[in-house]
Amino acid sequence: MTSIIRRNQSLKTIFRNPKDSFFNSTLKPYRTPQAPYRVLNQKPFSTHSSKFPEYEMPTVTWGVVQGRKEKLVSRVIISDYLKSIGIIPDELEELELPSTVEVMRERVEFLQKIGLTVDDMNEYPLMLGCSVRKNIIPVLTYLEKIGLQRSKLGEFIKIYPQCLHTSVVVELVPVIKFLRGLDVEKQDIGYVLMKYPELLGFKLEGTMSTSVAYLVSIGVNPRDVGPMVTQYPYFLGMRVGTTIKPLVDYLVSLGLPKKILARMLEKRAYLLGYDLEETVKPNVNCLLSFGLRKDTLPSVIAQFPQILGLPLKAKLSSQQYFFNLKLKIDPDGFARVIEKMPQIVSLHQHVIMKPVEFLVGRGFSTADVAKMIVKCPQLVALQVGLMKNSYYFFKSDMGRPMEELLDFPDYFTYSLESRIKPRYQRLQNKGMRCSLGWFLNCSDQRFEERLYGDYIEPESSGPSFCMGGKLELPGNEIVSEEEDESEDETLYRRTVSL
């Protein structure tokens, strides 16, 4: 009761003295604010964290809150400014723009300082909707941190300006961690992104993960995925069902074992970029039309995978005409040459003629040279200097007739110092005489077995590769049990050495 009486007395005192300080301090007349859209010139915030010393980050990014009328006025002013410098603002109509032209001018000047031109901005005007402080500088700083050179940041933005809209923490960092998880070297990250900037826009659980998982499932070594990405990152953006798997299935249907295909992709990931319908299938049909046998296609592709992506018809037509005109090799012989050494389709004709001229100068007729090339196409890619040394040793030290070179032209393909001389000396010490192919066309281990055997093993042809079957090595039953290399690995090793 006492408290109620005291409260009433205080209220009476207030109303009795209307000029009390309470009213003076709280009740003030309302004043209409002037120029509510005026931008303050003060810069109370510091922005020293910018990694671009040539540019001072803006302290006001979007200006002050405006009403509907003020926004329309500001948009007109900004559009007029953009038009005055050559930028077409039509695509910015639905985009929220800053409240003042000063902020937009700062954005334009910043983009120009990193190397972008007005034409680049017209290609992707939406970049002008990105805040310098909140979007552009954080993205560029992170890109520089992971390996992109500052001088190339402008070029990167030209290629993929959409990255300016991304969040560093939410979108960019997870992609870089994913690439590092694939064993892409840290120093190669910048190189990979410059080749394929769109990687920054992919979802980790989408195309990138599925393409890697499929390649591993067909035999690609997970440790080789990183080098594959560095060499050809574009396969991370390829869909398995529509691009990668159809290509793999087609090559396997030709008789190419998956193990060999996996080894090919590890070394030449760019094969995944060959279009199946536009390039690969037409090239395979082209090989068949030029007389190559279907069962030799797997060997041809394994030896020279690039043949699937070349303008093959023009190259084969040119080389076939050259072989027929200059070397007197008919189309059927030319097909046998391509089966044994498909790299000839890309060999320059003046390179081919040098070994041919050397053989003709040593007394071989044009017909004999043609037969030698059909038997051993590698002759046309040899260095003439090495052929001279081997030929002089054959004539002076070995003293054998020229007919043996006709029967075994592969003699020129072996190293004189590391194979021909040492093995020939061993034969001389044992008083043995045999054909060139018998002591040259075998491994060191097989040569030892032949040298200390009580019989001379009959000669046999090289390894054969049959479509859909295993690699058959003649005389395989004599090979030591220590040679446990699989047939597929043996073929790949041989084709790479070619």
Protein backbone atom coordinates (compact mmCIF):
# COMPACT_ATOMS: atom_id res chain seq x y z
CA MET A 1 0.00 0.00 0.00
CA THR A 2 2.82 2.33 0.88
CA SER A 3 4.55 1.60 -2.48
CA ILE A 4 1.36 2.46 -4.43
CA ILE A 5 1.05 5.81 -2.65
CA ARG A 6 4.69 6.67 -3.42
CA ARG A 7 4.25 5.81 -7.13
CA ASN A 8 1.18 8.07 -7.42
CA GLN A 9 3.05 10.92 -5.80
CA SER A 10 5.92 10.63 -8.32
CA LEU A 11 3.51 10.69 -11.26
CA LYS A 12 1.81 13.81 -9.89
CA THR A 13 5.18 15.50 -9.58
CA ILE A 14 6.03 14.74 -13.23
CA PHE A 15 2.76 16.07 -14.62
CA ARG A 16 2.98 19.09 -12.36
CA ASN A 17 6.38 20.01 -13.93
CA PRO A 18 6.09 19.43 -17.72
CA LYS A 19 9.47 21.11 -18.35
CA ASP A 20 11.24 18.38 -16.49
CA SER A 21 14.45 17.03 -17.95
CA PHE A 22 12.75 13.70 -18.73
CA PHE A 23 10.75 15.26 -21.54
CA ASN A 24 13.66 17.32 -22.72
CA SER A 25 15.83 14.26 -23.04
CA THR A 26 13.35 11.87 -24.64
CA LEU A 27 10.71 13.75 -26.58
CA LYS A 28 12.34 15.55 -29.50
CA PRO A 29 10.61 16.95 -32.58
CA TYR A 30 10.84 14.72 -35.70
CA ARG A 31 13.07 15.97 -38.45
CA THR A 32 12.87 14.72 -42.02
CA PRO A 33 16.23 13.23 -43.03
CA GLN A 34 17.86 14.95 -45.96
CA ALA A 35 19.33 12.99 -48.91
CA PRO A 36 18.88 9.50 -47.43
CA TYR A 37 20.80 7.96 -50.34
CA ARG A 38 23.86 10.18 -49.92
CA VAL A 39 27.07 8.15 -49.65
CA LEU A 40 29.35 9.06 -46.79
CA ASN A 41 32.86 10.06 -47.78
CA GLN A 42 34.31 8.86 -44.51
CA LYS A 43 36.28 5.59 -44.53
CA PRO A 44 36.13 4.30 -40.96
CA PHE A 45 37.09 0.69 -41.77
CA SER A 46 40.58 -0.58 -42.52
CA THR A 47 41.24 -2.99 -45.37
CA HIS A 48 44.97 -3.61 -45.11
CA SER A 49 44.52 -7.39 -45.60
CA SER A 50 44.27 -7.02 -49.37
CA LYS A 51 46.95 -8.98 -51.24
CA PHE A 52 46.74 -6.53 -54.12
CA PRO A 53 48.79 -3.51 -52.99
CA GLU A 54 48.05 -1.65 -56.19
CA TYR A 55 44.37 -1.53 -55.27
CA GLU A 56 42.71 -0.22 -52.11
CA MET A 57 39.64 -2.21 -51.18
CA PRO A 58 36.43 -0.16 -50.97
CA THR A 59 35.04 0.62 -47.54
CA VAL A 60 31.49 0.91 -48.81
CA THR A 61 30.41 -2.04 -50.90
CA TRP A 62 26.74 -1.45 -51.49
CA GLY A 63 26.21 2.12 -50.20
CA VAL A 64 23.28 2.83 -47.87
CA VAL A 65 19.77 1.44 -47.77
CA GLN A 66 17.63 3.06 -50.43
CA GLY A 67 14.00 3.31 -51.16
CA ARG A 68 12.41 2.06 -54.38
CA LYS A 69 12.66 5.43 -56.09
CA GLU A 70 16.27 5.96 -55.11
CA LYS A 71 17.18 2.48 -56.36
CA LEU A 72 15.74 3.20 -59.78
CA VAL A 73 17.66 6.47 -59.97
CA SER A 74 20.93 4.76 -58.98
CA ARG A 75 20.39 1.96 -61.50
CA VAL A 76 19.91 4.51 -64.29
CA ILE A 77 23.09 6.35 -63.27
CA ILE A 78 25.11 3.10 -63.14
CA SER A 79 23.73 1.94 -66.51
CA ASP A 80 24.70 5.25 -68.08
CA TYR A 81 28.21 4.91 -66.65
CA LEU A 82 28.61 1.37 -67.99
CA LYS A 83 27.40 2.44 -71.42
CA SER A 84 29.84 5.33 -71.43
CA ILE A 85 32.82 2.93 -71.09
CA GLY A 86 31.47 0.44 -73.64
CA ILE A 87 29.79 -2.16 -71.42
CA ILE A 88 26.30 -3.30 -72.40
CA PRO A 89 24.24 -3.48 -69.16
CA ASP A 90 21.26 -5.38 -70.61
CA GLU A 91 22.05 -8.63 -68.75
CA LEU A 92 22.29 -6.77 -65.45
CA GLU A 93 18.60 -5.85 -65.35
CA GLU A 94 17.68 -8.69 -63.00
CA LEU A 95 20.87 -8.34 -60.97
CA GLU A 96 21.15 -6.39 -57.74
CA LEU A 97 23.58 -3.54 -58.28
CA PRO A 98 25.40 -1.33 -55.77
CA SER A 99 23.72 1.89 -54.68
CA THR A 100 26.35 4.24 -56.09
CA VAL A 101 28.26 4.58 -59.30
CA GLU A 102 31.50 4.95 -57.33
CA VAL A 103 31.32 1.34 -56.17
CA MET A 104 30.68 0.10 -59.71
CA ARG A 105 33.59 2.20 -60.98
CA GLU A 106 35.86 0.57 -58.41
CA ARG A 107 34.79 -2.89 -59.58
CA VAL A 108 35.49 -2.08 -63.20
CA GLU A 109 38.88 -0.59 -62.40
CA PHE A 110 39.85 -3.59 -60.27
CA LEU A 111 38.96 -6.06 -63.01
CA GLN A 112 40.94 -4.00 -65.48
CA LYS A 113 43.97 -4.02 -63.19
CA ILE A 114 44.08 -7.83 -63.16
CA GLY A 115 44.04 -7.92 -66.95
CA LEU A 116 40.41 -7.96 -68.06
CA THR A 117 39.19 -5.71 -70.84
CA VAL A 118 35.80 -4.19 -71.59
CA ASP A 119 35.27 -6.92 -74.18
CA ASP A 120 35.89 -9.56 -71.50
CA MET A 121 33.31 -7.93 -69.25
CA ASN A 122 30.82 -7.86 -72.10
CA GLU A 123 31.37 -11.59 -72.58
CA TYR A 124 30.25 -12.18 -68.99
CA PRO A 125 28.67 -8.99 -67.54
CA LEU A 126 27.51 -10.84 -64.42
CA MET A 127 31.02 -10.49 -62.99
CA LEU A 128 30.14 -6.84 -62.33
CA GLY A 129 27.66 -8.05 -59.74
CA CYS A 130 30.48 -9.47 -57.59
CA SER A 131 31.70 -7.46 -54.64
CA VAL A 132 35.41 -6.72 -54.74
CA ARG A 133 35.83 -7.26 -51.02
CA LYS A 134 33.44 -10.18 -50.50
CA ASN A 135 33.84 -12.11 -53.77
CA ILE A 136 36.67 -11.17 -56.08
CA ILE A 137 39.63 -10.66 -53.73
CA PRO A 138 38.99 -13.79 -51.60
CA VAL A 139 38.74 -15.98 -54.73
CA LEU A 140 41.84 -14.52 -56.39
CA THR A 141 43.82 -14.73 -53.17
CA TYR A 142 42.99 -18.43 -52.80
CA LEU A 143 43.78 -19.19 -56.43
CA GLU A 144 47.17 -17.56 -56.00
CA LYS A 145 47.73 -19.54 -52.82
CA ILE A 146 47.17 -22.91 -54.53
CA GLY A 147 49.62 -22.22 -57.31
CA LEU A 148 48.21 -19.91 -59.98
CA GLN A 149 50.59 -17.12 -60.89
CA ARG A 150 49.29 -13.62 -60.25
CA SER A 151 50.16 -12.65 -63.81
CA LYS A 152 47.80 -15.36 -65.10
CA LEU A 153 44.84 -14.64 -62.82
CA GLY A 154 43.28 -12.36 -65.42
CA GLU A 155 43.60 -15.05 -68.08
CA PHE A 156 42.03 -17.56 -65.70
CA ILE A 157 39.06 -15.27 -65.03
CA LYS A 158 38.60 -14.77 -68.78
CA ILE A 159 38.30 -18.52 -69.25
CA TYR A 160 36.10 -19.21 -66.23
CA PRO A 161 34.58 -16.00 -64.81
CA GLN A 162 31.91 -18.01 -62.97
CA CYS A 163 34.47 -18.77 -60.26
CA LEU A 164 34.03 -15.22 -58.93
CA HIS A 165 30.58 -16.24 -57.63
CA THR A 166 31.90 -19.21 -55.65
CA SER A 167 32.58 -19.53 -51.96
CA VAL A 168 36.19 -20.32 -51.15
CA VAL A 169 35.40 -22.45 -48.10
CA VAL A 170 32.25 -24.18 -49.34
CA GLU A 171 33.09 -24.78 -53.01
CA LEU A 172 36.76 -24.22 -53.90
CA VAL A 173 38.57 -25.83 -50.97
CA PRO A 174 36.74 -29.21 -51.27
CA VAL A 175 37.63 -29.46 -54.98
CA ILE A 176 41.33 -28.86 -54.28
CA LYS A 177 41.28 -31.43 -51.48
CA PHE A 178 39.68 -33.91 -53.88
CA LEU A 179 42.44 -33.36 -56.45
CA ARG A 180 45.12 -33.80 -53.81
CA GLY A 181 43.37 -36.99 -52.73
CA LEU A 182 43.81 -38.30 -56.28
CA ASP A 183 47.59 -37.86 -55.88
CA VAL A 184 47.79 -34.73 -58.00
CA GLU A 185 51.03 -33.10 -56.91
CA LYS A 186 50.66 -29.81 -55.03
CA GLN A 187 52.86 -27.98 -57.54
CA ASP A 188 50.66 -29.26 -60.40
CA ILE A 189 47.34 -27.94 -59.05
CA GLY A 190 47.76 -24.56 -60.73
CA TYR A 191 48.72 -26.21 -64.03
CA VAL A 192 45.66 -28.49 -63.89
CA LEU A 193 43.29 -25.62 -63.18
CA MET A 194 44.72 -23.48 -65.98
CA LYS A 195 44.08 -26.36 -68.40
CA TYR A 196 40.57 -27.06 -67.13
CA PRO A 197 39.20 -24.23 -64.91
CA GLU A 198 35.70 -25.71 -65.00
CA LEU A 199 36.86 -28.29 -62.45
CA LEU A 200 36.13 -25.70 -59.78
CA GLY A 201 32.43 -25.86 -60.63
CA PHE A 202 31.99 -29.65 -60.38
CA LYS A 203 30.32 -31.44 -57.50
CA LEU A 204 32.54 -33.97 -55.78
CA GLU A 205 29.84 -36.62 -55.53
CA GLY A 206 28.98 -36.29 -59.21
CA THR A 207 30.91 -36.75 -62.43
CA MET A 208 34.42 -36.56 -60.99
CA SER A 209 33.95 -39.38 -58.49
CA THR A 210 32.13 -41.69 -60.88
CA SER A 211 34.66 -41.30 -63.71
CA VAL A 212 37.57 -42.11 -61.39
CA ALA A 213 35.74 -45.08 -59.85
CA TYR A 214 34.96 -46.55 -63.27
CA LEU A 215 38.53 -46.26 -64.54
CA VAL A 216 39.82 -47.99 -61.41
CA SER A 217 37.24 -50.74 -61.91
CA ILE A 218 38.62 -51.61 -65.37
CA GLY A 219 42.17 -51.92 -64.04
CA VAL A 220 43.67 -48.44 -63.87
CA ASN A 221 46.08 -48.22 -60.94
CA PRO A 222 44.72 -45.72 -58.38
CA ARG A 223 48.23 -44.31 -57.96
CA ASP A 224 48.27 -43.41 -61.66
CA VAL A 225 45.04 -41.39 -61.51
CA GLY A 226 46.92 -38.30 -60.30
CA PRO A 227 49.35 -38.25 -63.26
CA MET A 228 46.39 -38.91 -65.56
CA VAL A 229 44.59 -35.84 -64.18
CA THR A 230 47.73 -33.74 -64.61
CA GLN A 231 48.09 -34.89 -68.22
CA TYR A 232 44.42 -34.76 -69.23
CA PRO A 233 42.08 -33.37 -66.52
CA TYR A 234 39.13 -33.22 -68.89
CA PHE A 235 38.14 -36.85 -68.23
CA LEU A 236 36.99 -35.78 -64.75
CA GLY A 237 34.14 -33.93 -66.44
CA MET A 238 33.13 -36.83 -68.71
CA ARG A 239 30.05 -38.88 -67.98
CA VAL A 240 30.73 -42.58 -67.59
CA GLY A 241 27.50 -43.82 -69.17
CA THR A 242 27.58 -41.65 -72.28
CA THR A 243 31.29 -41.12 -72.95
CA ILE A 244 33.85 -43.27 -71.13
CA LYS A 245 32.13 -46.65 -70.91
CA PRO A 246 30.97 -46.80 -74.57
CA LEU A 247 34.56 -46.11 -75.72
CA VAL A 248 36.00 -48.76 -73.42
CA ASP A 249 33.37 -51.33 -74.43
CA TYR A 250 34.04 -50.72 -78.11
CA LEU A 251 37.80 -51.15 -77.80
CA VAL A 252 37.33 -54.32 -75.76
CA SER A 253 34.96 -55.63 -78.45
CA LEU A 254 37.80 -55.29 -80.97
CA GLY A 255 39.81 -57.78 -78.90
CA LEU A 256 41.87 -55.39 -76.79
CA PRO A 257 42.23 -56.85 -73.26
CA LYS A 258 41.12 -54.57 -70.44
CA LYS A 259 44.50 -54.82 -68.74
CA ILE A 260 46.27 -53.47 -71.79
CA LEU A 261 43.60 -50.81 -72.25
CA ALA A 262 44.09 -49.73 -68.64
CA ARG A 263 47.87 -49.45 -69.16
CA MET A 264 47.24 -47.40 -72.31
CA LEU A 265 44.97 -44.99 -70.46
CA GLU A 266 47.46 -44.61 -67.61
CA LYS A 267 50.12 -43.40 -70.06
CA ARG A 268 47.83 -41.64 -72.55
CA ALA A 269 44.76 -40.37 -70.74
CA TYR A 270 43.94 -38.15 -73.72
CA LEU A 271 42.60 -41.25 -75.50
CA LEU A 272 39.42 -40.74 -73.47
CA GLY A 273 38.87 -37.51 -75.38
CA TYR A 274 38.53 -39.23 -78.75
CA ASP A 275 34.94 -39.09 -79.96
CA LEU A 276 33.66 -42.63 -80.46
CA GLU A 277 31.20 -41.99 -83.29
CA GLU A 278 33.02 -39.15 -85.04
CA THR A 279 36.63 -40.37 -84.83
CA VAL A 280 37.30 -43.82 -83.35
CA LYS A 281 34.83 -45.96 -85.30
CA PRO A 282 35.55 -44.24 -88.66
CA ASN A 283 39.30 -44.76 -88.12
CA VAL A 284 38.85 -48.45 -87.31
CA ASN A 285 36.76 -48.88 -90.46
CA CYS A 286 39.41 -46.99 -92.40
CA LEU A 287 42.11 -49.43 -91.27
CA LEU A 288 40.00 -52.34 -92.43
CA SER A 289 39.31 -50.68 -95.77
CA PHE A 290 43.05 -50.34 -96.40
CA GLY A 291 43.53 -54.07 -96.06
CA LEU A 292 44.44 -54.57 -92.41
CA ARG A 293 43.15 -57.82 -90.96
CA LYS A 294 40.61 -57.54 -88.18
CA ASP A 295 42.54 -59.84 -85.86
CA THR A 296 45.55 -57.49 -86.02
CA LEU A 297 43.63 -54.40 -84.89
CA PRO A 298 44.27 -54.96 -81.15
CA SER A 299 48.02 -55.16 -81.77
CA VAL A 300 47.92 -52.06 -83.99
CA ILE A 301 46.00 -50.04 -81.37
CA ALA A 302 48.24 -51.24 -78.53
CA GLN A 303 51.37 -50.24 -80.43
CA PHE A 304 50.12 -46.85 -81.56
CA PRO A 305 46.98 -45.72 -79.66
CA GLN A 306 47.12 -42.27 -81.27
CA ILE A 307 46.03 -43.88 -84.53
CA LEU A 308 42.46 -43.76 -83.19
CA GLY A 309 42.43 -39.96 -83.23
CA LEU A 310 44.37 -39.07 -86.38
CA PRO A 311 42.89 -37.83 -89.67
CA LEU A 312 43.62 -41.36 -90.78
CA LYS A 313 42.13 -41.60 -94.24
CA ALA A 314 44.23 -38.75 -95.62
CA LYS A 315 47.42 -40.03 -93.98
CA LEU A 316 46.96 -43.63 -95.13
CA SER A 317 46.14 -42.54 -98.68
CA SER A 318 49.27 -40.40 -98.86
CA GLN A 319 51.58 -43.05 -97.41
CA GLN A 320 50.13 -45.85 -99.52
CA TYR A 321 50.72 -43.83 -102.68
CA PHE A 322 54.28 -43.03 -101.58
CA PHE A 323 55.12 -46.66 -100.76
CA ASN A 324 53.76 -47.80 -104.12
CA LEU A 325 55.52 -45.08 -106.12
CA LYS A 326 58.91 -44.87 -104.41
CA LEU A 327 59.38 -48.23 -102.70
CA LYS A 328 57.44 -50.44 -105.11
CA ILE A 329 55.34 -51.90 -102.28
CA ASP A 330 51.82 -52.84 -103.36
CA PRO A 331 48.72 -52.07 -101.23
CA ASP A 332 48.70 -55.55 -99.71
CA GLY A 333 52.33 -55.19 -98.66
CA PHE A 334 51.56 -51.72 -97.31
CA ALA A 335 48.80 -53.20 -95.13
CA ARG A 336 51.28 -55.76 -93.72
CA VAL A 337 53.69 -52.91 -92.97
CA ILE A 338 51.02 -50.95 -91.06
CA GLU A 339 50.07 -54.07 -89.10
CA LYS A 340 53.64 -54.44 -87.87
CA MET A 341 54.48 -50.76 -87.42
CA PRO A 342 51.42 -48.46 -87.44
CA GLN A 343 53.60 -45.45 -86.51
CA ILE A 344 54.53 -45.25 -90.20
CA VAL A 345 51.28 -43.40 -90.90
CA SER A 346 52.80 -40.33 -89.20
CA LEU A 347 56.39 -40.76 -90.40
CA HIS A 348 57.73 -38.11 -92.77
CA GLN A 349 58.57 -39.39 -96.22
CA HIS A 350 62.06 -37.85 -96.30
CA VAL A 351 62.86 -39.80 -93.11
CA ILE A 352 61.72 -43.02 -94.76
CA MET A 353 63.89 -42.47 -97.81
CA LYS A 354 67.20 -42.16 -95.94
CA PRO A 355 67.47 -45.84 -94.85
CA VAL A 356 66.11 -46.92 -98.25
CA GLU A 357 68.81 -44.97 -100.06
CA PHE A 358 71.46 -46.47 -97.77
CA LEU A 359 70.37 -50.04 -98.54
CA VAL A 360 70.18 -49.38 -102.28
CA GLY A 361 73.67 -47.87 -102.12
CA ARG A 362 74.98 -51.12 -100.58
CA GLY A 363 73.91 -53.18 -103.53
CA PHE A 364 70.37 -54.19 -102.66
CA SER A 365 67.87 -53.91 -105.47
CA THR A 366 64.65 -51.92 -105.08
CA ALA A 367 62.67 -55.17 -105.01
CA ASP A 368 64.93 -56.58 -102.27
CA VAL A 369 64.55 -53.41 -100.20
CA ALA A 370 60.77 -53.63 -100.56
CA LYS A 371 60.83 -57.22 -99.26
CA MET A 372 63.05 -56.23 -96.35
CA ILE A 373 60.70 -53.38 -95.37
CA VAL A 374 57.64 -55.62 -95.51
CA LYS A 375 59.44 -58.13 -93.25
CA CYS A 376 60.79 -55.46 -90.88
CA PRO A 377 59.11 -52.03 -91.24
CA GLN A 378 61.29 -50.65 -88.40
CA LEU A 379 64.06 -50.26 -91.00
CA VAL A 380 62.52 -47.05 -92.32
CA ALA A 381 62.81 -45.36 -88.90
CA LEU A 382 66.47 -46.22 -88.19
CA GLN A 383 69.38 -43.79 -88.11
CA VAL A 384 71.65 -44.26 -91.10
CA GLY A 385 74.79 -43.85 -88.98
CA LEU A 386 73.88 -46.85 -86.80
CA MET A 387 72.99 -48.89 -89.88
CA LYS A 388 76.43 -48.19 -91.36
CA ASN A 389 78.24 -49.44 -88.26
CA SER A 390 76.18 -52.63 -88.12
CA TYR A 391 76.61 -53.24 -91.84
CA TYR A 392 80.40 -52.83 -91.73
CA PHE A 393 80.67 -55.24 -88.79
CA PHE A 394 78.50 -57.73 -90.67
CA LYS A 395 80.72 -57.55 -93.76
CA SER A 396 84.19 -57.26 -92.21
CA ASP A 397 84.06 -59.18 -88.91
CA MET A 398 81.26 -61.67 -89.51
CA GLY A 399 81.97 -62.13 -93.23
CA ARG A 400 78.48 -63.38 -94.00
CA PRO A 401 76.67 -63.23 -97.34
CA MET A 402 74.19 -60.46 -98.13
CA GLU A 403 71.38 -63.01 -98.47
CA GLU A 404 71.28 -63.39 -94.71
CA LEU A 405 70.31 -59.72 -94.38
CA LEU A 406 67.53 -60.33 -96.88
CA ASP A 407 66.26 -63.21 -94.75
CA PHE A 408 66.68 -61.34 -91.46
CA PRO A 409 66.57 -57.55 -91.99
CA ASP A 410 65.82 -57.19 -88.26
CA TYR A 411 69.61 -57.40 -87.81
CA PHE A 412 69.82 -53.61 -88.25
CA THR A 413 67.40 -52.99 -85.39
CA TYR A 414 69.67 -54.54 -82.71
CA SER A 415 72.36 -52.62 -80.83
CA LEU A 416 75.81 -53.36 -82.21
CA GLU A 417 77.71 -52.82 -78.96
CA SER A 418 75.30 -54.32 -76.45
CA ARG A 419 73.90 -57.30 -78.37
CA ILE A 420 75.46 -58.14 -81.75
CA LYS A 421 79.16 -58.01 -80.84
CA PRO A 422 78.97 -59.71 -77.39
CA ARG A 423 76.78 -62.57 -78.62
CA TYR A 424 78.76 -63.09 -81.79
CA GLN A 425 81.96 -63.28 -79.72
CA ARG A 426 80.38 -65.92 -77.47
CA LEU A 427 79.48 -67.99 -80.54
CA GLN A 428 82.99 -67.68 -81.89
CA ASN A 429 84.47 -68.86 -78.60
CA LYS A 430 82.30 -71.97 -78.70
CA GLY A 431 82.92 -72.54 -82.39
CA MET A 432 79.22 -72.34 -83.22
CA ARG A 433 77.71 -71.08 -86.46
CA CYS A 434 74.02 -70.26 -86.69
CA SER A 435 71.64 -67.88 -88.41
CA LEU A 436 71.31 -64.24 -87.42
CA GLY A 437 67.81 -64.67 -86.07
CA TRP A 438 68.79 -67.65 -83.89
CA PHE A 439 71.26 -65.73 -81.72
CA LEU A 440 69.77 -62.24 -81.92
CA ASN A 441 66.00 -62.66 -81.74
CA CYS A 442 65.79 -63.82 -78.11
CA SER A 443 66.26 -62.57 -74.57
CA ASP A 444 69.57 -62.86 -72.71
CA GLN A 445 68.23 -65.74 -70.66
CA ARG A 446 67.00 -67.60 -73.74
CA PHE A 447 70.35 -67.02 -75.44
CA GLU A 448 72.15 -68.63 -72.50
CA GLU A 449 69.79 -71.62 -72.66
CA ARG A 450 70.46 -71.95 -76.38
CA LEU A 451 74.18 -71.47 -76.02
CA TYR A 452 74.61 -74.26 -73.47
CA GLY A 453 72.03 -76.59 -74.95
CA ASP A 454 72.99 -79.76 -76.77
CA TYR A 455 70.86 -78.86 -79.74
CA ILE A 456 70.07 -75.88 -81.95
CA GLU A 457 66.50 -74.79 -81.37
CA PRO A 458 64.61 -74.20 -84.61
CA GLU A 459 63.79 -70.60 -85.42
CA SER A 460 60.30 -69.31 -84.79
CA SER A 461 58.36 -66.18 -85.50
CA GLY A 462 57.78 -63.41 -82.98
CA PRO A 463 54.82 -63.15 -80.63
CA SER A 464 51.36 -63.31 -82.16
CA PHE A 465 48.27 -61.53 -80.87
CA CYS A 466 44.90 -63.03 -81.69
CA MET A 467 41.62 -61.20 -81.18
CA GLY A 468 39.81 -62.47 -78.12
CA GLY A 469 42.60 -64.86 -77.20
CA LYS A 470 45.76 -64.92 -75.16
CA LEU A 471 49.17 -63.79 -76.25
CA GLU A 472 51.05 -66.80 -77.60
CA LEU A 473 54.82 -66.78 -77.37
CA PRO A 474 56.42 -69.47 -79.58
CA GLY A 475 58.60 -71.82 -77.59
CA ASN A 476 57.03 -70.64 -74.36
CA GLU A 477 57.47 -74.04 -72.78
CA ILE A 478 61.25 -73.53 -72.71
CA VAL A 479 61.09 -70.19 -70.88
CA SER A 480 62.34 -70.35 -67.30
CA GLU A 481 59.70 -70.44 -64.57
CA GLU A 482 61.11 -67.19 -63.22
CA GLU A 483 59.44 -65.34 -66.11
CA ASP A 484 56.04 -64.99 -64.48
CA GLU A 485 55.02 -61.87 -66.38
CA SER A 486 51.46 -62.08 -67.67
CA GLU A 487 50.70 -62.24 -71.37
CA ASP A 488 49.01 -58.85 -71.35
CA GLU A 489 51.92 -57.19 -69.58
CA THR A 490 54.35 -58.78 -72.02
CA LEU A 491 52.46 -57.39 -75.02
CA TYR A 492 52.27 -53.94 -73.49
CA ARG A 493 55.99 -53.93 -72.70
CA ARG A 494 56.84 -55.00 -76.23
CA THR A 495 54.55 -52.46 -77.88
CA VAL A 496 55.87 -49.61 -75.73
CA SER A 497 59.43 -50.58 -76.61
CA LEU A 498 58.51 -50.36 -80.29
